[in-house]
Amino acid sequence: MANLEDFGKETYFEQQGYEWEPRFESYVNKKEWKIFSKEYIDDHSFDTLLANMEDDVTPSQWKIYVNTESSEDVHNMRRHYGSGQSVQPSS
């Protein structure tokens, strides 16, 4: 499995206005209302991530991209940032 730094994904996320949130090991963009877990970023291609970044969102409704984060982790993200929709890849 590739690491985040291997393909410059970390740098790209930062250039797009995402900030690293160590508490949740995620990149957060408050302007775009999106949260990407590090695990999700590591496990998906750059093309998939670019498509995810283009997904429409409803302001005040976080879109949270995770693989298999526990329901407690997602709950804590929602509690910290507000309500949101979790997006998990289909198997």
PDB file of N, CA and C in Angstrom:
ATOM      1  N   MET A   1       0.844  -1.172   0.000  1.00  0.00           N
ATOM      2  CA  MET A   1       0.000   0.000   0.000  1.00  0.00           C
ATOM      3  C   MET A   1       0.895   1.243   0.000  1.00  0.00           C
ATOM      4  N   ALA A   2       0.546   2.209  -0.776  1.00  0.00           N
ATOM      5  CA  ALA A   2       1.331   3.446  -0.878  1.00  0.00           C
ATOM      6  C   ALA A   2       1.056   4.357   0.311  1.00  0.00           C
ATOM      7  N   ASN A   3       2.049   5.137   0.629  1.00  0.00           N
ATOM      8  CA  ASN A   3       1.888   6.129   1.683  1.00  0.00           C
ATOM      9  C   ASN A   3       1.476   7.453   1.082  1.00  0.00           C
ATOM     10  N   LEU A   4       0.882   8.270   1.900  1.00  0.00           N
ATOM     11  CA  LEU A   4       0.395   9.584   1.493  1.00  0.00           C
ATOM     12  C   LEU A   4       1.480  10.384   0.789  1.00  0.00           C
ATOM     13  N   GLU A   5       2.678  10.405   1.341  1.00  0.00           N
ATOM     14  CA  GLU A   5       3.759  11.228   0.794  1.00  0.00           C
ATOM     15  C   GLU A   5       4.290  10.716  -0.536  1.00  0.00           C
ATOM     16  N   ASP A   6       4.094   9.431  -0.828  1.00  0.00           N
ATOM     17  CA  ASP A   6       4.662   8.831  -2.033  1.00  0.00           C
ATOM     18  C   ASP A   6       4.201   9.506  -3.317  1.00  0.00           C
ATOM     19  N   PHE A   7       3.006   9.993  -3.369  1.00  0.00           N
ATOM     20  CA  PHE A   7       2.461  10.569  -4.587  1.00  0.00           C
ATOM     21  C   PHE A   7       2.184  12.056  -4.447  1.00  0.00           C
ATOM     22  N   GLY A   8       2.675  12.674  -3.389  1.00  0.00           N
ATOM     23  CA  GLY A   8       2.457  14.103  -3.208  1.00  0.00           C
ATOM     24  C   GLY A   8       1.022  14.439  -2.839  1.00  0.00           C
ATOM     25  N   LYS A   9       0.250  13.448  -2.379  1.00  0.00           N
ATOM     26  CA  LYS A   9      -1.138  13.696  -2.019  1.00  0.00           C
ATOM     27  C   LYS A   9      -1.236  14.695  -0.869  1.00  0.00           C
ATOM     28  N   GLU A  10      -0.357  14.543   0.111  1.00  0.00           N
ATOM     29  CA  GLU A  10      -0.374  15.439   1.276  1.00  0.00           C
ATOM     30  C   GLU A  10      -0.194  16.883   0.826  1.00  0.00           C
ATOM     31  N   THR A  11       0.779  17.126  -0.010  1.00  0.00           N
ATOM     32  CA  THR A  11       1.046  18.471  -0.525  1.00  0.00           C
ATOM     33  C   THR A  11      -0.144  18.987  -1.310  1.00  0.00           C
ATOM     34  N   TYR A  12      -0.732  18.136  -2.132  1.00  0.00           N
ATOM     35  CA  TYR A  12      -1.874  18.554  -2.942  1.00  0.00           C
ATOM     36  C   TYR A  12      -3.052  18.956  -2.052  1.00  0.00           C
ATOM     37  N   PHE A  13      -3.338  18.149  -1.046  1.00  0.00           N
ATOM     38  CA  PHE A  13      -4.440  18.482  -0.137  1.00  0.00           C
ATOM     39  C   PHE A  13      -4.192  19.835   0.534  1.00  0.00           C
ATOM     40  N   GLU A  14      -2.969  20.068   0.962  1.00  0.00           N
ATOM     41  CA  GLU A  14      -2.647  21.345   1.602  1.00  0.00           C
ATOM     42  C   GLU A  14      -2.801  22.504   0.627  1.00  0.00           C
ATOM     43  N   GLN A  15      -2.401  22.301  -0.624  1.00  0.00           N
ATOM     44  CA  GLN A  15      -2.549  23.352  -1.641  1.00  0.00           C
ATOM     45  C   GLN A  15      -4.015  23.653  -1.935  1.00  0.00           C
ATOM     46  N   GLN A  16      -4.884  22.671  -1.714  1.00  0.00           N
ATOM     47  CA  GLN A  16      -6.313  22.856  -1.967  1.00  0.00           C
ATOM     48  C   GLN A  16      -7.067  23.388  -0.743  1.00  0.00           C
ATOM     49  N   GLY A  17      -6.324  23.790   0.281  1.00  0.00           N
ATOM     50  CA  GLY A  17      -6.952  24.401   1.452  1.00  0.00           C
ATOM     51  C   GLY A  17      -7.307  23.445   2.570  1.00  0.00           C
ATOM     52  N   TYR A  18      -6.826  22.210   2.491  1.00  0.00           N
ATOM     53  CA  TYR A  18      -7.077  21.243   3.556  1.00  0.00           C
ATOM     54  C   TYR A  18      -6.019  21.394   4.637  1.00  0.00           C
ATOM     55  N   GLU A  19      -6.442  21.242   5.884  1.00  0.00           N
ATOM     56  CA  GLU A  19      -5.526  21.312   7.015  1.00  0.00           C
ATOM     57  C   GLU A  19      -5.486  19.954   7.698  1.00  0.00           C
ATOM     58  N   TRP A  20      -4.293  19.573   8.142  1.00  0.00           N
ATOM     59  CA  TRP A  20      -4.115  18.306   8.843  1.00  0.00           C
ATOM     60  C   TRP A  20      -4.697  18.437  10.240  1.00  0.00           C
ATOM     61  N   GLU A  21      -5.544  17.485  10.615  1.00  0.00           N
ATOM     62  CA  GLU A  21      -6.139  17.421  11.948  1.00  0.00           C
ATOM     63  C   GLU A  21      -5.615  16.162  12.621  1.00  0.00           C
ATOM     64  N   PRO A  22      -4.544  16.299  13.447  1.00  0.00           N
ATOM     65  CA  PRO A  22      -3.925  15.106  14.030  1.00  0.00           C
ATOM     66  C   PRO A  22      -4.855  14.325  14.956  1.00  0.00           C
ATOM     67  N   ARG A  23      -5.776  15.008  15.590  1.00  0.00           N
ATOM     68  CA  ARG A  23      -6.690  14.317  16.515  1.00  0.00           C
ATOM     69  C   ARG A  23      -7.471  13.220  15.798  1.00  0.00           C
ATOM     70  N   PHE A  24      -7.872  13.476  14.556  1.00  0.00           N
ATOM     71  CA  PHE A  24      -8.663  12.514  13.787  1.00  0.00           C
ATOM     72  C   PHE A  24      -7.870  11.881  12.648  1.00  0.00           C
ATOM     73  N   GLU A  25      -6.587  12.229  12.538  1.00  0.00           N
ATOM     74  CA  GLU A  25      -5.732  11.751  11.447  1.00  0.00           C
ATOM     75  C   GLU A  25      -6.436  11.944  10.100  1.00  0.00           C
ATOM     76  N   SER A  26      -6.848  13.183   9.879  1.00  0.00           N
ATOM     77  CA  SER A  26      -7.623  13.521   8.690  1.00  0.00           C
ATOM     78  C   SER A  26      -7.239  14.892   8.166  1.00  0.00           C
ATOM     79  N   TYR A  27      -7.547  15.094   6.884  1.00  0.00           N
ATOM     80  CA  TYR A  27      -7.425  16.416   6.278  1.00  0.00           C
ATOM     81  C   TYR A  27      -8.819  17.035   6.240  1.00  0.00           C
ATOM     82  N   VAL A  28      -8.903  18.287   6.673  1.00  0.00           N
ATOM     83  CA  VAL A  28     -10.184  18.973   6.807  1.00  0.00           C
ATOM     84  C   VAL A  28     -10.147  20.251   5.979  1.00  0.00           C
ATOM     85  N   ASN A  29     -11.210  20.479   5.217  1.00  0.00           N
ATOM     86  CA  ASN A  29     -11.373  21.737   4.489  1.00  0.00           C
ATOM     87  C   ASN A  29     -12.692  22.349   4.949  1.00  0.00           C
ATOM     88  N   LYS A  30     -12.586  23.353   5.810  1.00  0.00           N
ATOM     89  CA  LYS A  30     -13.784  23.963   6.385  1.00  0.00           C
ATOM     90  C   LYS A  30     -14.581  24.733   5.349  1.00  0.00           C
ATOM     91  N   LYS A  31     -13.918  25.271   4.348  1.00  0.00           N
ATOM     92  CA  LYS A  31     -14.614  26.017   3.295  1.00  0.00           C
ATOM     93  C   LYS A  31     -15.434  25.077   2.409  1.00  0.00           C
ATOM     94  N   GLU A  32     -14.883  23.904   2.126  1.00  0.00           N
ATOM     95  CA  GLU A  32     -15.536  22.925   1.246  1.00  0.00           C
ATOM     96  C   GLU A  32     -16.408  21.925   2.002  1.00  0.00           C
ATOM     97  N   TRP A  33     -16.372  21.942   3.321  1.00  0.00           N
ATOM     98  CA  TRP A  33     -17.171  21.036   4.154  1.00  0.00           C
ATOM     99  C   TRP A  33     -16.832  19.565   3.888  1.00  0.00           C
ATOM    100  N   LYS A  34     -15.515  19.273   3.770  1.00  0.00           N
ATOM    101  CA  LYS A  34     -15.090  17.900   3.506  1.00  0.00           C
ATOM    102  C   LYS A  34     -13.976  17.491   4.458  1.00  0.00           C
ATOM    103  N   ILE A  35     -14.021  16.219   4.833  1.00  0.00           N
ATOM    104  CA  ILE A  35     -12.998  15.616   5.689  1.00  0.00           C
ATOM    105  C   ILE A  35     -12.576  14.303   5.040  1.00  0.00           C
ATOM    106  N   PHE A  36     -11.264  14.127   4.853  1.00  0.00           N
ATOM    107  CA  PHE A  36     -10.709  12.900   4.291  1.00  0.00           C
ATOM    108  C   PHE A  36      -9.793  12.270   5.337  1.00  0.00           C
ATOM    109  N   SER A  37     -10.067  11.019   5.719  1.00  0.00           N
ATOM    110  CA  SER A  37      -9.167  10.339   6.649  1.00  0.00           C
ATOM    111  C   SER A  37      -7.882   9.967   5.914  1.00  0.00           C
ATOM    112  N   LYS A  38      -6.785   9.907   6.651  1.00  0.00           N
ATOM    113  CA  LYS A  38      -5.494   9.540   6.068  1.00  0.00           C
ATOM    114  C   LYS A  38      -5.572   8.152   5.432  1.00  0.00           C
ATOM    115  N   GLU A  39      -6.262   7.251   6.103  1.00  0.00           N
ATOM    116  CA  GLU A  39      -6.404   5.891   5.577  1.00  0.00           C
ATOM    117  C   GLU A  39      -7.129   5.905   4.231  1.00  0.00           C
ATOM    118  N   TYR A  40      -8.169   6.703   4.119  1.00  0.00           N
ATOM    119  CA  TYR A  40      -8.910   6.799   2.854  1.00  0.00           C
ATOM    120  C   TYR A  40      -8.003   7.347   1.757  1.00  0.00           C
ATOM    121  N   ILE A  41      -7.241   8.377   2.081  1.00  0.00           N
ATOM    122  CA  ILE A  41      -6.329   8.981   1.109  1.00  0.00           C
ATOM    123  C   ILE A  41      -5.272   7.972   0.666  1.00  0.00           C
ATOM    124  N   ASP A  42      -4.698   7.263   1.620  1.00  0.00           N
ATOM    125  CA  ASP A  42      -3.661   6.281   1.308  1.00  0.00           C
ATOM    126  C   ASP A  42      -4.181   5.149   0.420  1.00  0.00           C
ATOM    127  N   ASP A  43      -5.440   4.773   0.605  1.00  0.00           N
ATOM    128  CA  ASP A  43      -5.993   3.602  -0.079  1.00  0.00           C
ATOM    129  C   ASP A  43      -6.639   3.899  -1.427  1.00  0.00           C
ATOM    130  N   HIS A  44      -6.686   5.176  -1.827  1.00  0.00           N
ATOM    131  CA  HIS A  44      -7.363   5.519  -3.076  1.00  0.00           C
ATOM    132  C   HIS A  44      -6.432   6.251  -4.030  1.00  0.00           C
ATOM    133  N   SER A  45      -6.709   6.057  -5.300  1.00  0.00           N
ATOM    134  CA  SER A  45      -5.877   6.686  -6.326  1.00  0.00           C
ATOM    135  C   SER A  45      -6.081   8.196  -6.316  1.00  0.00           C
ATOM    136  N   PHE A  46      -5.117   8.868  -6.908  1.00  0.00           N
ATOM    137  CA  PHE A  46      -5.196  10.314  -7.021  1.00  0.00           C
ATOM    138  C   PHE A  46      -6.441  10.716  -7.820  1.00  0.00           C
ATOM    139  N   ASP A  47      -6.753   9.960  -8.881  1.00  0.00           N
ATOM    140  CA  ASP A  47      -7.938  10.253  -9.695  1.00  0.00           C
ATOM    141  C   ASP A  47      -9.221  10.152  -8.877  1.00  0.00           C
ATOM    142  N   THR A  48      -9.311   9.136  -8.034  1.00  0.00           N
ATOM    143  CA  THR A  48     -10.493   8.985  -7.176  1.00  0.00           C
ATOM    144  C   THR A  48     -10.604  10.159  -6.212  1.00  0.00           C
ATOM    145  N   LEU A  49      -9.481  10.551  -5.633  1.00  0.00           N
ATOM    146  CA  LEU A  49      -9.493  11.669  -4.686  1.00  0.00           C
ATOM    147  C   LEU A  49      -9.891  12.973  -5.372  1.00  0.00           C
ATOM    148  N   LEU A  50      -9.394  13.179  -6.595  1.00  0.00           N
ATOM    149  CA  LEU A  50      -9.782  14.379  -7.344  1.00  0.00           C
ATOM    150  C   LEU A  50     -11.289  14.382  -7.604  1.00  0.00           C
ATOM    151  N   ALA A  51     -11.836  13.229  -7.957  1.00  0.00           N
ATOM    152  CA  ALA A  51     -13.281  13.136  -8.183  1.00  0.00           C
ATOM    153  C   ALA A  51     -14.041  13.414  -6.889  1.00  0.00           C
ATOM    154  N   ASN A  52     -13.539  12.885  -5.764  1.00  0.00           N
ATOM    155  CA  ASN A  52     -14.177  13.144  -4.470  1.00  0.00           C
ATOM    156  C   ASN A  52     -14.162  14.624  -4.129  1.00  0.00           C
ATOM    157  N   MET A  53     -13.071  15.286  -4.471  1.00  0.00           N
ATOM    158  CA  MET A  53     -12.970  16.716  -4.182  1.00  0.00           C
ATOM    159  C   MET A  53     -14.007  17.516  -4.967  1.00  0.00           C
ATOM    160  N   GLU A  54     -14.434  16.966  -6.114  1.00  0.00           N
ATOM    161  CA  GLU A  54     -15.431  17.641  -6.949  1.00  0.00           C
ATOM    162  C   GLU A  54     -16.867  17.339  -6.530  1.00  0.00           C
ATOM    163  N   ASP A  55     -17.050  16.375  -5.625  1.00  0.00           N
ATOM    164  CA  ASP A  55     -18.401  16.037  -5.163  1.00  0.00           C
ATOM    165  C   ASP A  55     -19.101  17.266  -4.609  1.00  0.00           C
ATOM    166  N   ASP A  56     -20.383  17.360  -4.911  1.00  0.00           N
ATOM    167  CA  ASP A  56     -21.192  18.452  -4.362  1.00  0.00           C
ATOM    168  C   ASP A  56     -21.435  18.216  -2.885  1.00  0.00           C
ATOM    169  N   VAL A  57     -21.496  19.300  -2.146  1.00  0.00           N
ATOM    170  CA  VAL A  57     -21.812  19.231  -0.723  1.00  0.00           C
ATOM    171  C   VAL A  57     -22.902  20.236  -0.412  1.00  0.00           C
ATOM    172  N   THR A  58     -23.563  20.002   0.686  1.00  0.00           N
ATOM    173  CA  THR A  58     -24.545  20.946   1.199  1.00  0.00           C
ATOM    174  C   THR A  58     -23.862  21.721   2.311  1.00  0.00           C
ATOM    175  N   PRO A  59     -23.787  23.039   2.207  1.00  0.00           N
ATOM    176  CA  PRO A  59     -23.169  23.813   3.293  1.00  0.00           C
ATOM    177  C   PRO A  59     -23.791  23.439   4.641  1.00  0.00           C
ATOM    178  N   SER A  60     -22.952  23.410   5.636  1.00  0.00           N
ATOM    179  CA  SER A  60     -23.318  23.031   7.004  1.00  0.00           C
ATOM    180  C   SER A  60     -23.499  21.526   7.165  1.00  0.00           C
ATOM    181  N   GLN A  61     -23.201  20.747   6.127  1.00  0.00           N
ATOM    182  CA  GLN A  61     -23.289  19.285   6.189  1.00  0.00           C
ATOM    183  C   GLN A  61     -21.952  18.699   5.738  1.00  0.00           C
ATOM    184  N   TRP A  62     -21.141  18.254   6.684  1.00  0.00           N
ATOM    185  CA  TRP A  62     -19.830  17.708   6.370  1.00  0.00           C
ATOM    186  C   TRP A  62     -19.955  16.436   5.554  1.00  0.00           C
ATOM    187  N   LYS A  63     -19.071  16.294   4.588  1.00  0.00           N
ATOM    188  CA  LYS A  63     -18.922  15.050   3.845  1.00  0.00           C
ATOM    189  C   LYS A  63     -17.623  14.435   4.350  1.00  0.00           C
ATOM    190  N   ILE A  64     -17.718  13.261   4.950  1.00  0.00           N
ATOM    191  CA  ILE A  64     -16.578  12.626   5.604  1.00  0.00           C
ATOM    192  C   ILE A  64     -16.207  11.365   4.825  1.00  0.00           C
ATOM    193  N   TYR A  65     -14.985  11.349   4.294  1.00  0.00           N
ATOM    194  CA  TYR A  65     -14.500  10.222   3.500  1.00  0.00           C
ATOM    195  C   TYR A  65     -13.631   9.338   4.393  1.00  0.00           C
ATOM    196  N   VAL A  66     -14.113   8.119   4.639  1.00  0.00           N
ATOM    197  CA  VAL A  66     -13.402   7.166   5.489  1.00  0.00           C
ATOM    198  C   VAL A  66     -13.458   5.792   4.840  1.00  0.00           C
ATOM    199  N   ASN A  67     -12.576   4.907   5.264  1.00  0.00           N
ATOM    200  CA  ASN A  67     -12.640   3.507   4.830  1.00  0.00           C
ATOM    201  C   ASN A  67     -13.494   2.740   5.825  1.00  0.00           C
ATOM    202  N   THR A  68     -12.891   2.422   6.912  1.00  0.00           N
ATOM    203  CA  THR A  68     -13.574   1.604   7.917  1.00  0.00           C
ATOM    204  C   THR A  68     -13.414   2.214   9.298  1.00  0.00           C
ATOM    205  N   GLU A  69     -13.450   3.525   9.373  1.00  0.00           N
ATOM    206  CA  GLU A  69     -13.337   4.161  10.680  1.00  0.00           C
ATOM    207  C   GLU A  69     -14.469   3.651  11.555  1.00  0.00           C
ATOM    208  N   SER A  70     -14.192   3.513  12.837  1.00  0.00           N
ATOM    209  CA  SER A  70     -15.237   3.049  13.741  1.00  0.00           C
ATOM    210  C   SER A  70     -16.345   4.089  13.812  1.00  0.00           C
ATOM    211  N   SER A  71     -17.522   3.626  14.152  1.00  0.00           N
ATOM    212  CA  SER A  71     -18.644   4.552  14.279  1.00  0.00           C
ATOM    213  C   SER A  71     -18.345   5.598  15.345  1.00  0.00           C
ATOM    214  N   GLU A  72     -17.543   5.218  16.332  1.00  0.00           N
ATOM    215  CA  GLU A  72     -17.166   6.182  17.378  1.00  0.00           C
ATOM    216  C   GLU A  72     -16.274   7.289  16.799  1.00  0.00           C
ATOM    217  N   ASP A  73     -15.344   6.927  15.923  1.00  0.00           N
ATOM    218  CA  ASP A  73     -14.475   7.926  15.293  1.00  0.00           C
ATOM    219  C   ASP A  73     -15.295   8.916  14.466  1.00  0.00           C
ATOM    220  N   VAL A  74     -16.198   8.389  13.649  1.00  0.00           N
ATOM    221  CA  VAL A  74     -17.039   9.255  12.819  1.00  0.00           C
ATOM    222  C   VAL A  74     -17.927  10.111  13.709  1.00  0.00           C
ATOM    223  N   HIS A  75     -18.475   9.514  14.755  1.00  0.00           N
ATOM    224  CA  HIS A  75     -19.305  10.269  15.699  1.00  0.00           C
ATOM    225  C   HIS A  75     -18.504  11.421  16.302  1.00  0.00           C
ATOM    226  N   ASN A  76     -17.259  11.155  16.689  1.00  0.00           N
ATOM    227  CA  ASN A  76     -16.421  12.205  17.279  1.00  0.00           C
ATOM    228  C   ASN A  76     -16.109  13.312  16.278  1.00  0.00           C
ATOM    229  N   MET A  77     -15.893  12.946  15.002  1.00  0.00           N
ATOM    230  CA  MET A  77     -15.682  13.969  13.970  1.00  0.00           C
ATOM    231  C   MET A  77     -16.922  14.834  13.830  1.00  0.00           C
ATOM    232  N   ARG A  78     -18.078  14.186  13.759  1.00  0.00           N
ATOM    233  CA  ARG A  78     -19.330  14.933  13.628  1.00  0.00           C
ATOM    234  C   ARG A  78     -19.557  15.831  14.837  1.00  0.00           C
ATOM    235  N   ARG A  79     -19.267  15.304  16.003  1.00  0.00           N
ATOM    236  CA  ARG A  79     -19.456  16.088  17.230  1.00  0.00           C
ATOM    237  C   ARG A  79     -18.537  17.301  17.239  1.00  0.00           C
ATOM    238  N   HIS A  80     -17.313  17.113  16.770  1.00  0.00           N
ATOM    239  CA  HIS A  80     -16.339  18.194  16.762  1.00  0.00           C
ATOM    240  C   HIS A  80     -16.662  19.236  15.689  1.00  0.00           C
ATOM    241  N   TYR A  81     -17.030  18.780  14.497  1.00  0.00           N
ATOM    242  CA  TYR A  81     -17.238  19.681  13.359  1.00  0.00           C
ATOM    243  C   TYR A  81     -18.708  19.964  13.057  1.00  0.00           C
ATOM    244  N   GLY A  82     -19.607  19.187  13.587  1.00  0.00           N
ATOM    245  CA  GLY A  82     -21.028  19.331  13.262  1.00  0.00           C
ATOM    246  C   GLY A  82     -21.499  18.105  12.505  1.00  0.00           C
ATOM    247  N   SER A  83     -22.753  18.098  12.100  1.00  0.00           N
ATOM    248  CA  SER A  83     -23.320  16.925  11.435  1.00  0.00           C
ATOM    249  C   SER A  83     -22.672  16.716  10.079  1.00  0.00           C
ATOM    250  N   GLY A  84     -22.826  15.542   9.558  1.00  0.00           N
ATOM    251  CA  GLY A  84     -22.238  15.258   8.261  1.00  0.00           C
ATOM    252  C   GLY A  84     -22.633  13.916   7.731  1.00  0.00           C
ATOM    253  N   GLN A  85     -22.226  13.655   6.513  1.00  0.00           N
ATOM    254  CA  GLN A  85     -22.510  12.414   5.808  1.00  0.00           C
ATOM    255  C   GLN A  85     -21.202  11.664   5.625  1.00  0.00           C
ATOM    256  N   SER A  86     -21.154  10.407   6.021  1.00  0.00           N
ATOM    257  CA  SER A  86     -19.957   9.590   5.831  1.00  0.00           C
ATOM    258  C   SER A  86     -20.009   8.918   4.479  1.00  0.00           C
ATOM    259  N   VAL A  87     -18.879   8.913   3.803  1.00  0.00           N
ATOM    260  CA  VAL A  87     -18.783   8.254   2.507  1.00  0.00           C
ATOM    261  C   VAL A  87     -17.753   7.149   2.638  1.00  0.00           C
ATOM    262  N   GLN A  88     -18.192   5.908   2.409  1.00  0.00           N
ATOM    263  CA  GLN A  88     -17.280   4.784   2.452  1.00  0.00           C
ATOM    264  C   GLN A  88     -17.323   4.103   1.096  1.00  0.00           C
ATOM    265  N   PRO A  89     -16.183   3.630   0.633  1.00  0.00           N
ATOM    266  CA  PRO A  89     -16.168   2.987  -0.673  1.00  0.00           C
ATOM    267  C   PRO A  89     -16.976   1.703  -0.676  1.00  0.00           C
ATOM    268  N   SER A  90     -17.622   1.425  -1.781  1.00  0.00           N
ATOM    269  CA  SER A  90     -18.343   0.167  -1.882  1.00  0.00           C
ATOM    270  C   SER A  90     -17.354  -0.942  -2.199  1.00  0.00           C
ATOM    271  N   SER A  91     -17.607  -2.103  -1.660  1.00  0.00           N
ATOM    272  CA  SER A  91     -16.686  -3.233  -1.856  1.00  0.00           C
ATOM    273  C   SER A  91     -16.998  -3.986  -3.103  1.00  0.00           C
TER     274      SER A  91
END
